[in-house]
C-alpha atoms as a PDB file:
ATOM      1  CA  MET A   1       8.258  21.569 -22.591  1.00  0.00           C
ATOM      2  CA  SER A   2       6.946  19.156 -25.769  1.00  0.00           C
ATOM      3  CA  GLY A   3       6.841  21.867 -28.354  1.00  0.00           C
ATOM      4  CA  SER A   4       5.502  24.553 -27.280  1.00  0.00           C
ATOM      5  CA  LYS A   5       2.847  22.473 -24.816  1.00  0.00           C
ATOM      6  CA  PRO A   6       3.547  21.722 -21.443  1.00  0.00           C
ATOM      7  CA  ARG A   7       3.739  17.924 -20.332  1.00  0.00           C
ATOM      8  CA  VAL A   8       1.054  18.043 -17.493  1.00  0.00           C
ATOM      9  CA  VAL A   9       0.462  15.209 -14.882  1.00  0.00           C
ATOM     10  CA  ALA A  10      -3.030  15.976 -13.032  1.00  0.00           C
ATOM     11  CA  LEU A  11      -3.813  14.112  -9.331  1.00  0.00           C
ATOM     12  CA  GLY A  12      -6.730  13.574  -7.806  1.00  0.00           C
ATOM     13  CA  GLY A  13     -10.129  12.227  -8.280  1.00  0.00           C
ATOM     14  CA  GLY A  14     -14.007  12.561  -9.032  1.00  0.00           C
ATOM     15  CA  HIS A  15     -15.791  15.546 -10.324  1.00  0.00           C
ATOM     16  CA  GLY A  16     -12.786  18.033  -9.720  1.00  0.00           C
ATOM     17  CA  LEU A  17      -9.767  15.987 -11.593  1.00  0.00           C
ATOM     18  CA  ALA A  18     -12.772  15.970 -14.272  1.00  0.00           C
ATOM     19  CA  ALA A  19     -13.433  19.425 -14.046  1.00  0.00           C
ATOM     20  CA  THR A  20      -9.491  20.032 -14.415  1.00  0.00           C
ATOM     21  CA  LEU A  21      -8.693  17.630 -17.162  1.00  0.00           C
ATOM     22  CA  SER A  22     -11.429  19.266 -19.334  1.00  0.00           C
ATOM     23  CA  ALA A  23      -9.749  22.246 -18.498  1.00  0.00           C
ATOM     24  CA  LEU A  24      -5.873  20.940 -19.459  1.00  0.00           C
ATOM     25  CA  ARG A  25      -6.983  19.460 -22.590  1.00  0.00           C
ATOM     26  CA  GLN A  26      -7.664  22.229 -24.163  1.00  0.00           C
ATOM     27  CA  ILE A  27      -3.928  23.424 -23.164  1.00  0.00           C
ATOM     28  CA  THR A  28      -2.127  20.328 -24.356  1.00  0.00           C
ATOM     29  CA  THR A  29      -2.088  17.072 -25.723  1.00  0.00           C
ATOM     30  CA  ASP A  30       0.737  15.560 -23.533  1.00  0.00           C
ATOM     31  CA  LEU A  31      -1.719  15.094 -20.382  1.00  0.00           C
ATOM     32  CA  THR A  32      -1.607  12.307 -17.824  1.00  0.00           C
ATOM     33  CA  ALA A  33      -4.255  11.692 -15.100  1.00  0.00           C
ATOM     34  CA  ILE A  34      -3.024  10.018 -11.941  1.00  0.00           C
ATOM     35  CA  VAL A  35      -5.974   8.971  -9.960  1.00  0.00           C
ATOM     36  CA  THR A  36      -6.964   8.397  -6.611  1.00  0.00           C
ATOM     37  CA  VAL A  37      -8.710   4.440  -6.082  1.00  0.00           C
ATOM     38  CA  ALA A  38     -10.103   3.963  -3.024  1.00  0.00           C
ATOM     39  CA  ASP A  39     -13.950   4.526  -3.706  1.00  0.00           C
ATOM     40  CA  ASN A  40     -16.423   2.355  -2.350  1.00  0.00           C
ATOM     41  CA  GLY A  41     -19.227   3.894  -2.885  1.00  0.00           C
ATOM     42  CA  GLY A  42     -22.389   3.406  -5.234  1.00  0.00           C
ATOM     43  CA  SER A  43     -21.723   1.339  -8.101  1.00  0.00           C
ATOM     44  CA  SER A  44     -17.611   1.113  -7.634  1.00  0.00           C
ATOM     45  CA  GLY A  45     -18.382  -0.046  -3.759  1.00  0.00           C
ATOM     46  CA  ARG A  46     -20.703  -2.752  -5.143  1.00  0.00           C
ATOM     47  CA  LEU A  47     -17.906  -3.943  -7.963  1.00  0.00           C
ATOM     48  CA  ARG A  48     -15.197  -3.857  -5.543  1.00  0.00           C
ATOM     49  CA  GLU A  49     -17.441  -6.327  -2.859  1.00  0.00           C
ATOM     50  CA  GLU A  50     -18.101  -8.726  -5.824  1.00  0.00           C
ATOM     51  CA  PHE A  51     -14.562  -8.603  -7.571  1.00  0.00           C
ATOM     52  CA  SER A  52     -10.887  -7.695  -6.367  1.00  0.00           C
ATOM     53  CA  ILE A  53     -10.675  -4.808  -8.804  1.00  0.00           C
ATOM     54  CA  TYR A  54      -9.561  -1.264  -8.809  1.00  0.00           C
ATOM     55  CA  PRO A  55     -12.922   1.041  -8.046  1.00  0.00           C
ATOM     56  CA  PRO A  56     -13.356   2.142 -11.311  1.00  0.00           C
ATOM     57  CA  CYS A  57     -15.896   5.244 -11.455  1.00  0.00           C
ATOM     58  CA  ASP A  58     -12.962   7.972 -10.447  1.00  0.00           C
ATOM     59  CA  LEU A  59     -11.023   6.636 -13.429  1.00  0.00           C
ATOM     60  CA  ARG A  60     -14.122   5.973 -15.737  1.00  0.00           C
ATOM     61  CA  MET A  61     -14.531   9.751 -15.016  1.00  0.00           C
ATOM     62  CA  ALA A  62     -10.949  10.887 -15.933  1.00  0.00           C
ATOM     63  CA  LEU A  63     -11.473   8.817 -18.927  1.00  0.00           C
ATOM     64  CA  ALA A  64     -14.594  10.272 -19.977  1.00  0.00           C
ATOM     65  CA  ALA A  65     -13.262  13.745 -19.645  1.00  0.00           C
ATOM     66  CA  LEU A  66     -10.559  13.442 -22.222  1.00  0.00           C
ATOM     67  CA  CYS A  67     -12.497  11.262 -24.960  1.00  0.00           C
ATOM     68  CA  ALA A  68     -11.732  12.916 -28.181  1.00  0.00           C
ATOM     69  CA  ASP A  69     -13.864  15.684 -29.011  1.00  0.00           C
ATOM     70  CA  ASP A  70     -15.706  14.203 -32.323  1.00  0.00           C
ATOM     71  CA  GLU A  71     -18.909  12.035 -33.093  1.00  0.00           C
ATOM     72  CA  TRP A  72     -16.900   8.908 -32.314  1.00  0.00           C
ATOM     73  CA  GLY A  73     -14.983   9.790 -28.916  1.00  0.00           C
ATOM     74  CA  ARG A  74     -18.486  11.975 -27.793  1.00  0.00           C
ATOM     75  CA  SER A  75     -20.724   9.134 -28.414  1.00  0.00           C
ATOM     76  CA  TRP A  76     -18.451   6.275 -26.661  1.00  0.00           C
ATOM     77  CA  ALA A  77     -18.146   8.533 -23.480  1.00  0.00           C
ATOM     78  CA  GLU A  78     -21.666   9.086 -23.130  1.00  0.00           C
ATOM     79  CA  ILE A  79     -22.213   5.630 -23.388  1.00  0.00           C
ATOM     80  CA  ARG A  80     -19.824   4.810 -20.700  1.00  0.00           C
ATOM     81  CA  GLN A  81     -21.294   7.145 -18.257  1.00  0.00           C
ATOM     82  CA  TYR A  82     -24.570   5.932 -18.784  1.00  0.00           C
ATOM     83  CA  ARG A  83     -26.201   4.526 -15.955  1.00  0.00           C
ATOM     84  CA  PHE A  84     -28.354   1.652 -15.893  1.00  0.00           C
ATOM     85  CA  GLU A  85     -32.232   1.989 -14.181  1.00  0.00           C
ATOM     86  CA  SER A  86     -34.024  -0.989 -13.150  1.00  0.00           C
ATOM     87  CA  ASP A  87     -35.332  -2.859  -9.903  1.00  0.00           C
ATOM     88  CA  GLY A  88     -32.487  -5.259 -10.489  1.00  0.00           C
ATOM     89  CA  ALA A  89     -28.864  -5.790  -9.617  1.00  0.00           C
ATOM     90  CA  LEU A  90     -27.733  -3.517 -12.734  1.00  0.00           C
ATOM     91  CA  ASP A  91     -29.518  -0.481 -11.015  1.00  0.00           C
ATOM     92  CA  GLY A  92     -27.041   2.300 -10.780  1.00  0.00           C
ATOM     93  CA  HIS A  93     -24.296   0.612 -12.484  1.00  0.00           C
ATOM     94  CA  ALA A  94     -22.220   2.818 -15.285  1.00  0.00           C
ATOM     95  CA  VAL A  95     -21.835   0.757 -18.131  1.00  0.00           C
ATOM     96  CA  GLY A  96     -18.098   2.263 -18.218  1.00  0.00           C
ATOM     97  CA  ASN A  97     -17.387   0.880 -14.955  1.00  0.00           C
ATOM     98  CA  LEU A  98     -18.752  -2.673 -15.808  1.00  0.00           C
ATOM     99  CA  LEU A  99     -16.659  -2.378 -18.888  1.00  0.00           C
ATOM    100  CA  LEU A 100     -13.456  -1.900 -16.642  1.00  0.00           C
ATOM    101  CA  ALA A 101     -14.554  -4.285 -14.680  1.00  0.00           C
ATOM    102  CA  ALA A 102     -14.700  -7.134 -17.035  1.00  0.00           C
ATOM    103  CA  LEU A 103     -11.161  -6.287 -18.777  1.00  0.00           C
ATOM    104  CA  TRP A 104      -9.764  -6.764 -15.217  1.00  0.00           C
ATOM    105  CA  ASN A 105     -12.093  -9.816 -14.022  1.00  0.00           C
ATOM    106  CA  LYS A 106     -10.777 -11.211 -17.176  1.00  0.00           C
ATOM    107  CA  GLY A 107      -7.058 -10.533 -16.378  1.00  0.00           C
ATOM    108  CA  GLU A 108      -5.914  -7.735 -17.896  1.00  0.00           C
ATOM    109  CA  ASP A 109      -3.100  -5.529 -16.688  1.00  0.00           C
ATOM    110  CA  PRO A 110      -4.951  -2.776 -15.003  1.00  0.00           C
ATOM    111  CA  VAL A 111      -2.940   0.047 -16.924  1.00  0.00           C
ATOM    112  CA  ALA A 112      -3.410  -2.108 -19.970  1.00  0.00           C
ATOM    113  CA  GLY A 113      -7.335  -2.104 -19.619  1.00  0.00           C
ATOM    114  CA  LEU A 114      -7.159   1.513 -18.957  1.00  0.00           C
ATOM    115  CA  ASP A 115      -5.002   2.077 -22.292  1.00  0.00           C
ATOM    116  CA  ARG A 116      -7.593  -0.066 -24.206  1.00  0.00           C
ATOM    117  CA  VAL A 117     -10.789   1.885 -23.116  1.00  0.00           C
ATOM    118  CA  GLY A 118      -8.589   4.840 -23.837  1.00  0.00           C
ATOM    119  CA  SER A 119      -7.962   3.695 -27.393  1.00  0.00           C
ATOM    120  CA  LEU A 120     -11.600   3.510 -27.943  1.00  0.00           C
ATOM    121  CA  LEU A 121     -12.561   6.672 -26.538  1.00  0.00           C
ATOM    122  CA  LYS A 122      -9.383   8.539 -28.589  1.00  0.00           C
ATOM    123  CA  VAL A 123      -8.587  10.044 -25.039  1.00  0.00           C
ATOM    124  CA  ILE A 124      -6.265  12.889 -25.046  1.00  0.00           C
ATOM    125  CA  GLY A 125      -3.357  11.527 -22.828  1.00  0.00           C
ATOM    126  CA  ARG A 126      -3.696   8.770 -20.414  1.00  0.00           C
ATOM    127  CA  VAL A 127      -5.493   7.840 -17.298  1.00  0.00           C
ATOM    128  CA  LEU A 128      -3.350   5.939 -14.725  1.00  0.00           C
ATOM    129  CA  PRO A 129      -4.214   4.735 -11.105  1.00  0.00           C
ATOM    130  CA  MET A 130      -1.995   5.784  -8.514  1.00  0.00           C
ATOM    131  CA  SER A 131      -1.426   2.874  -6.781  1.00  0.00           C
ATOM    132  CA  VAL A 132      -0.460  -0.906  -7.842  1.00  0.00           C
ATOM    133  CA  GLU A 133      -3.654  -2.191  -5.946  1.00  0.00           C
ATOM    134  CA  PRO A 134      -6.797  -0.820  -4.802  1.00  0.00           C
ATOM    135  CA  LEU A 135      -6.750   1.298  -1.462  1.00  0.00           C
ATOM    136  CA  ASP A 136      -9.431   2.165   1.382  1.00  0.00           C
ATOM    137  CA  ILE A 137      -8.856   5.013   3.673  1.00  0.00           C
ATOM    138  CA  GLU A 138      -9.264   5.320   7.405  1.00  0.00           C
ATOM    139  CA  ALA A 139      -9.516   8.575   9.149  1.00  0.00           C
ATOM    140  CA  THR A 140      -9.876   9.697  13.034  1.00  0.00           C
ATOM    141  CA  PHE A 141     -11.655  12.947  13.432  1.00  0.00           C
ATOM    142  CA  THR A 142     -12.714  14.604  16.551  1.00  0.00           C
ATOM    143  CA  ASN A 143     -15.610  16.490  17.496  1.00  0.00           C
ATOM    144  CA  SER A 144     -17.459  17.835  20.519  1.00  0.00           C
ATOM    145  CA  THR A 145     -18.805  14.453  21.642  1.00  0.00           C
ATOM    146  CA  GLY A 146     -14.817  13.011  21.280  1.00  0.00           C
ATOM    147  CA  ARG A 147     -12.874  10.634  18.964  1.00  0.00           C
ATOM    148  CA  PHE A 148     -14.325   8.800  16.127  1.00  0.00           C
ATOM    149  CA  ILE A 149     -12.871   6.729  13.388  1.00  0.00           C
ATOM    150  CA  VAL A 150     -14.323   6.238   9.923  1.00  0.00           C
ATOM    151  CA  LYS A 151     -13.395   3.804   7.121  1.00  0.00           C
ATOM    152  CA  GLY A 152     -14.361   4.711   3.316  1.00  0.00           C
ATOM    153  CA  GLN A 153     -13.705   7.227   0.978  1.00  0.00           C
ATOM    154  CA  VAL A 154     -17.346   8.038   1.138  1.00  0.00           C
ATOM    155  CA  GLN A 155     -17.579   8.180   5.037  1.00  0.00           C
ATOM    156  CA  VAL A 156     -14.140  10.155   5.369  1.00  0.00           C
ATOM    157  CA  ALA A 157     -15.369  12.546   2.473  1.00  0.00           C
ATOM    158  CA  THR A 158     -18.392  13.410   4.562  1.00  0.00           C
ATOM    159  CA  ALA A 159     -17.599  13.106   8.372  1.00  0.00           C
ATOM    160  CA  LYS A 160     -17.747  16.616  10.358  1.00  0.00           C
ATOM    161  CA  GLY A 161     -15.107  16.975  12.633  1.00  0.00           C
ATOM    162  CA  ARG A 162     -11.450  18.034  13.163  1.00  0.00           C
ATOM    163  CA  LEU A 163      -8.765  15.430  11.307  1.00  0.00           C
ATOM    164  CA  GLU A 164      -6.474  14.104  13.828  1.00  0.00           C
ATOM    165  CA  THR A 165      -5.011  11.040  11.567  1.00  0.00           C
ATOM    166  CA  LEU A 166      -5.602   9.905   7.937  1.00  0.00           C
ATOM    167  CA  ARG A 167      -4.102   6.422   6.567  1.00  0.00           C
ATOM    168  CA  LEU A 168      -4.000   4.308   3.669  1.00  0.00           C
ATOM    169  CA  LEU A 169      -5.038   0.229   3.968  1.00  0.00           C
ATOM    170  CA  PRO A 170      -2.768  -1.017   3.184  1.00  0.00           C
ATOM    171  CA  GLU A 171      -0.418   1.475   4.574  1.00  0.00           C
ATOM    172  CA  ASN A 172       2.584   2.518   2.399  1.00  0.00           C
ATOM    173  CA  PRO A 173       1.204   1.243  -1.333  1.00  0.00           C
ATOM    174  CA  THR A 174       3.696   0.774  -3.950  1.00  0.00           C
ATOM    175  CA  ALA A 175       2.899   3.635  -6.996  1.00  0.00           C
ATOM    176  CA  ARG A 176       2.643   2.640 -10.781  1.00  0.00           C
ATOM    177  CA  PRO A 177       6.098   2.878 -12.677  1.00  0.00           C
ATOM    178  CA  GLU A 178       4.126   4.807 -15.342  1.00  0.00           C
ATOM    179  CA  SER A 179       3.204   7.280 -12.573  1.00  0.00           C
ATOM    180  CA  LEU A 180       6.820   7.931 -11.614  1.00  0.00           C
ATOM    181  CA  SER A 181       7.808   8.239 -14.851  1.00  0.00           C
ATOM    182  CA  ALA A 182       5.293  10.495 -15.985  1.00  0.00           C
ATOM    183  CA  ILE A 183       5.743  12.868 -12.919  1.00  0.00           C
ATOM    184  CA  ASP A 184       9.416  12.729 -13.555  1.00  0.00           C
ATOM    185  CA  ALA A 185       9.136  13.737 -17.172  1.00  0.00           C
ATOM    186  CA  ALA A 186       6.443  16.600 -16.376  1.00  0.00           C
ATOM    187  CA  ASP A 187       6.576  20.638 -17.012  1.00  0.00           C
ATOM    188  CA  TRP A 188       3.441  21.103 -15.083  1.00  0.00           C
ATOM    189  CA  ILE A 189       1.970  19.278 -12.139  1.00  0.00           C
ATOM    190  CA  VAL A 190      -1.656  19.980 -10.924  1.00  0.00           C
ATOM    191  CA  MET A 191      -3.297  18.971  -7.906  1.00  0.00           C
ATOM    192  CA  GLY A 192      -6.858  19.705  -6.641  1.00  0.00           C
ATOM    193  CA  PRO A 193      -9.444  20.612  -6.670  1.00  0.00           C
ATOM    194  CA  GLY A 194     -11.390  17.571  -4.620  1.00  0.00           C
ATOM    195  CA  SER A 195     -12.442  16.201  -1.607  1.00  0.00           C
ATOM    196  CA  TRP A 196      -9.239  17.348   0.583  1.00  0.00           C
ATOM    197  CA  PHE A 197      -9.070  14.161   2.719  1.00  0.00           C
ATOM    198  CA  SER A 198     -10.469  11.579   0.231  1.00  0.00           C
ATOM    199  CA  SER A 199      -9.207  12.496  -3.214  1.00  0.00           C
ATOM    200  CA  VAL A 200      -6.030  14.894  -2.695  1.00  0.00           C
ATOM    201  CA  LEU A 201      -3.953  13.722   0.379  1.00  0.00           C
ATOM    202  CA  PRO A 202      -3.822   9.981  -0.395  1.00  0.00           C
ATOM    203  CA  HIS A 203      -1.366  10.780  -3.391  1.00  0.00           C
ATOM    204  CA  LEU A 204       0.921  12.227  -0.898  1.00  0.00           C
ATOM    205  CA  MET A 205       0.461   9.201   1.361  1.00  0.00           C
ATOM    206  CA  VAL A 206       2.126   6.723  -1.487  1.00  0.00           C
ATOM    207  CA  PRO A 207       5.621   6.988  -0.378  1.00  0.00           C
ATOM    208  CA  GLN A 208       7.206   6.795  -4.007  1.00  0.00           C
ATOM    209  CA  GLN A 209       4.672   9.000  -5.613  1.00  0.00           C
ATOM    210  CA  ARG A 210       5.314  11.675  -2.823  1.00  0.00           C
ATOM    211  CA  ASP A 211       8.702  11.703  -3.038  1.00  0.00           C
ATOM    212  CA  ALA A 212       8.517  11.786  -6.913  1.00  0.00           C
ATOM    213  CA  LEU A 213       6.040  14.986  -6.574  1.00  0.00           C
ATOM    214  CA  VAL A 214       8.980  16.548  -4.147  1.00  0.00           C
ATOM    215  CA  ALA A 215      11.835  15.907  -6.176  1.00  0.00           C
ATOM    216  CA  ALA A 216      10.305  16.870  -9.605  1.00  0.00           C
ATOM    217  CA  LYS A 217      11.507  19.806 -11.563  1.00  0.00           C
ATOM    218  CA  ALA A 218       7.983  20.816 -12.838  1.00  0.00           C
ATOM    219  CA  LYS A 219       6.006  24.168 -11.912  1.00  0.00           C
ATOM    220  CA  LYS A 220       3.715  22.852  -9.085  1.00  0.00           C
ATOM    221  CA  ILE A 221       0.231  24.255  -9.413  1.00  0.00           C
ATOM    222  CA  LEU A 222      -2.091  23.471  -6.531  1.00  0.00           C
ATOM    223  CA  ILE A 223      -6.139  24.299  -6.753  1.00  0.00           C
ATOM    224  CA  LEU A 224      -7.867  25.145  -3.837  1.00  0.00           C
ATOM    225  CA  ASN A 225     -11.376  23.927  -3.333  1.00  0.00           C
ATOM    226  CA  LEU A 226     -14.493  25.955  -3.512  1.00  0.00           C
ATOM    227  CA  ASP A 227     -16.438  24.732  -0.620  1.00  0.00           C
ATOM    228  CA  SER A 228     -13.687  25.754   1.751  1.00  0.00           C
ATOM    229  CA  ALA A 229     -14.503  27.619   4.817  1.00  0.00           C
ATOM    230  CA  THR A 230     -13.779  31.783   4.496  1.00  0.00           C
ATOM    231  CA  GLU A 231     -12.622  33.770   7.800  1.00  0.00           C
ATOM    232  CA  ASN A 232     -16.544  34.947   7.530  1.00  0.00           C
ATOM    233  CA  GLY A 233     -17.685  31.555   7.776  1.00  0.00           C
ATOM    234  CA  PRO A 234     -18.413  28.429   5.351  1.00  0.00           C
ATOM    235  CA  VAL A 235     -19.603  28.954   1.806  1.00  0.00           C
ATOM    236  CA  ILE A 236     -21.931  26.833  -0.335  1.00  0.00           C
ATOM    237  CA  ASN A 237     -20.828  23.201  -0.060  1.00  0.00           C
ATOM    238  CA  SER A 238     -21.387  20.209  -1.770  1.00  0.00           C
ATOM    239  CA  GLY A 239     -22.268  18.013   1.217  1.00  0.00           C
ATOM    240  CA  GLU A 240     -18.335  17.612   2.314  1.00  0.00           C
ATOM    241  CA  TYR A 241     -16.955  18.996   4.982  1.00  0.00           C
ATOM    242  CA  ALA A 242     -15.824  22.254   4.817  1.00  0.00           C
ATOM    243  CA  GLY A 243     -15.049  23.455   7.844  1.00  0.00           C
ATOM    244  CA  TYR A 244     -11.616  24.577   7.143  1.00  0.00           C
ATOM    245  CA  THR A 245     -10.397  27.682   5.562  1.00  0.00           C
ATOM    246  CA  ALA A 246      -8.079  27.576   2.991  1.00  0.00           C
ATOM    247  CA  THR A 247      -4.906  27.872   4.684  1.00  0.00           C
ATOM    248  CA  GLU A 248      -5.898  25.330   7.016  1.00  0.00           C
ATOM    249  CA  HIS A 249      -6.142  22.940   4.000  1.00  0.00           C
ATOM    250  CA  ILE A 250      -2.544  23.929   2.865  1.00  0.00           C
ATOM    251  CA  GLU A 251      -1.377  23.288   6.366  1.00  0.00           C
ATOM    252  CA  ILE A 252      -3.065  20.094   6.507  1.00  0.00           C
ATOM    253  CA  LEU A 253      -1.511  19.147   2.937  1.00  0.00           C
ATOM    254  CA  HIS A 254       2.035  20.222   4.526  1.00  0.00           C
ATOM    255  CA  THR A 255       1.599  17.721   7.639  1.00  0.00           C
ATOM    256  CA  TYR A 256       1.659  14.897   5.060  1.00  0.00           C
ATOM    257  CA  ALA A 257       4.189  15.917   2.596  1.00  0.00           C
ATOM    258  CA  PRO A 258       6.289  18.638   4.445  1.00  0.00           C
ATOM    259  CA  ASP A 259       9.000  19.109   1.750  1.00  0.00           C
ATOM    260  CA  LEU A 260       6.383  19.180  -1.018  1.00  0.00           C
ATOM    261  CA  ARG A 261       6.200  23.005  -2.345  1.00  0.00           C
ATOM    262  CA  PHE A 262       3.726  24.448  -4.869  1.00  0.00           C
ATOM    263  CA  ASP A 263       4.621  27.459  -7.186  1.00  0.00           C
ATOM    264  CA  LEU A 264       1.272  28.304  -7.777  1.00  0.00           C
ATOM    265  CA  ILE A 265      -1.772  28.187  -5.285  1.00  0.00           C
ATOM    266  CA  VAL A 266      -5.057  28.907  -7.154  1.00  0.00           C
ATOM    267  CA  ALA A 267      -8.203  29.995  -5.301  1.00  0.00           C
ATOM    268  CA  ASP A 268     -11.663  30.937  -6.551  1.00  0.00           C
ATOM    269  CA  GLN A 269     -12.066  34.771  -5.319  1.00  0.00           C
ATOM    270  CA  SER A 270     -14.893  33.821  -3.003  1.00  0.00           C
ATOM    271  CA  VAL A 271     -12.611  31.468  -0.506  1.00  0.00           C
ATOM    272  CA  VAL A 272     -10.179  34.099   0.105  1.00  0.00           C
ATOM    273  CA  ALA A 273     -12.323  37.016   0.051  1.00  0.00           C
ATOM    274  CA  GLY A 274     -11.738  39.576   2.938  1.00  0.00           C
ATOM    275  CA  SER A 275      -9.005  37.774   4.250  1.00  0.00           C
ATOM    276  CA  ASP A 276      -5.212  38.278   3.987  1.00  0.00           C
ATOM    277  CA  GLN A 277      -4.645  35.144   5.773  1.00  0.00           C
ATOM    278  CA  LEU A 278      -3.732  33.030   3.045  1.00  0.00           C
ATOM    279  CA  GLN A 279      -1.203  35.477   1.450  1.00  0.00           C
ATOM    280  CA  ARG A 280       0.699  35.948   4.931  1.00  0.00           C
ATOM    281  CA  HIS A 281       1.011  31.688   4.736  1.00  0.00           C
ATOM    282  CA  LEU A 282       2.025  31.829   1.582  1.00  0.00           C
ATOM    283  CA  SER A 283       5.031  34.509   1.913  1.00  0.00           C
ATOM    284  CA  SER A 284       6.499  32.139   4.467  1.00  0.00           C
ATOM    285  CA  THR A 285       6.317  29.228   2.148  1.00  0.00           C
ATOM    286  CA  GLY A 286       7.502  30.578  -0.933  1.00  0.00           C
ATOM    287  CA  GLY A 287       4.184  30.205  -3.253  1.00  0.00           C
ATOM    288  CA  GLU A 288       2.448  32.796  -5.367  1.00  0.00           C
ATOM    289  CA  LEU A 289      -1.310  33.096  -4.960  1.00  0.00           C
ATOM    290  CA  LEU A 290      -3.539  33.461  -7.882  1.00  0.00           C
ATOM    291  CA  ILE A 291      -6.911  34.320  -7.276  1.00  0.00           C
ATOM    292  CA  ALA A 292      -9.624  34.404 -10.148  1.00  0.00           C
ATOM    293  CA  ASP A 293     -13.301  33.714 -10.251  1.00  0.00           C
ATOM    294  CA  LEU A 294     -13.406  29.717 -11.402  1.00  0.00           C
ATOM    295  CA  ARG A 295     -17.009  28.897  -9.940  1.00  0.00           C
ATOM    296  CA  ASP A 296     -19.219  27.235 -12.224  1.00  0.00           C
ATOM    297  CA  GLN A 297     -22.536  29.514 -11.614  1.00  0.00           C
ATOM    298  CA  ARG A 298     -24.768  26.518 -12.918  1.00  0.00           C
ATOM    299  CA  SER A 299     -24.094  24.333  -9.893  1.00  0.00           C
ATOM    300  CA  LEU A 300     -21.907  26.933  -7.450  1.00  0.00           C
ATOM    301  CA  VAL A 301     -20.214  23.992  -5.969  1.00  0.00           C
ATOM    302  CA  HIS A 302     -18.044  22.837  -9.046  1.00  0.00           C
ATOM    303  CA  HIS A 303     -15.292  24.642 -11.278  1.00  0.00           C
ATOM    304  CA  ASP A 304     -16.032  25.964 -14.418  1.00  0.00           C
ATOM    305  CA  PRO A 305     -13.903  24.008 -17.005  1.00  0.00           C
ATOM    306  CA  LYS A 306     -14.205  27.186 -19.479  1.00  0.00           C
ATOM    307  CA  LYS A 307     -12.884  29.468 -16.505  1.00  0.00           C
ATOM    308  CA  LEU A 308     -10.254  26.954 -15.655  1.00  0.00           C
ATOM    309  CA  THR A 309      -9.189  26.633 -19.269  1.00  0.00           C
ATOM    310  CA  SER A 310      -8.731  30.541 -19.669  1.00  0.00           C
ATOM    311  CA  LEU A 311      -6.504  30.229 -16.037  1.00  0.00           C
ATOM    312  CA  PHE A 312      -4.220  27.343 -17.471  1.00  0.00           C
ATOM    313  CA  ALA A 313      -3.781  29.843 -20.793  1.00  0.00           C
ATOM    314  CA  HIS A 314      -2.803  32.224 -18.615  1.00  0.00           C
ATOM    315  CA  ILE A 315      -0.392  30.350 -16.577  1.00  0.00           C
ATOM    316  CA  ALA A 316       1.380  29.124 -19.796  1.00  0.00           C
ATOM    317  CA  GLY A 317       1.123  32.640 -21.688  1.00  0.00           C
END
């Protein structure tokens, strides 16, 4: 470890990764976020159509979660998160998305651009994209009416059916060398929570990154979603499909990374209530189940960063 603080790599995207980062920054300053780069919705989708750049939204959210906890950092983070409201072309665009798009459009290396914005926000740690190029996601599902294919991160996240196949476009993308170095040096690796098919599993479909995760000596921690189905039916969910139990989420993950083993599987008490199915599954795969109250009572569908901080402090202790 770096002194008494762990070197941590967190992988994911969107609100789930932002909550994890907000908690981890209370535990360590040696923190690297590796972010999914396949968003096709809202401001990011519009910018991708106009410019050949990474979708900036999830990267922007990760940077904001790690901004300095002083007047300078908080004020710039607030400005970067601001979305224009108008009847014109800027409506819905976040300032931070436009700033990243400007840096990348003028030819700055994507990671150098992220580092420059990180310096402006005085971020704790570093934010990196999970591949050397922007990606799309395509999935095949089945439901009562048959088989159907959807393309796009938003469409995959909300499709209702049983997943048959998931793939990235282009397939087998190249990982960023900075991400591979961070994984190799990490003391902890944290995955999740987040949309399982569009924010978590894609990290395991970048071959170099998957191999690095498998080979890493770090303590590996998987945080399960709040909106998984339970054995007694689905819980409140965020609009993304929650038709899988916690055990099935792990089984799907192992389909794409069969050699990846987690030391700790973290689940909210509501997800595993009334069932020992997950514990039985983990007894055969070697992971330890850690159950805690992690739900944000204000939103019900998101993890509470303060509760996650307590969880990570317990793990570190």
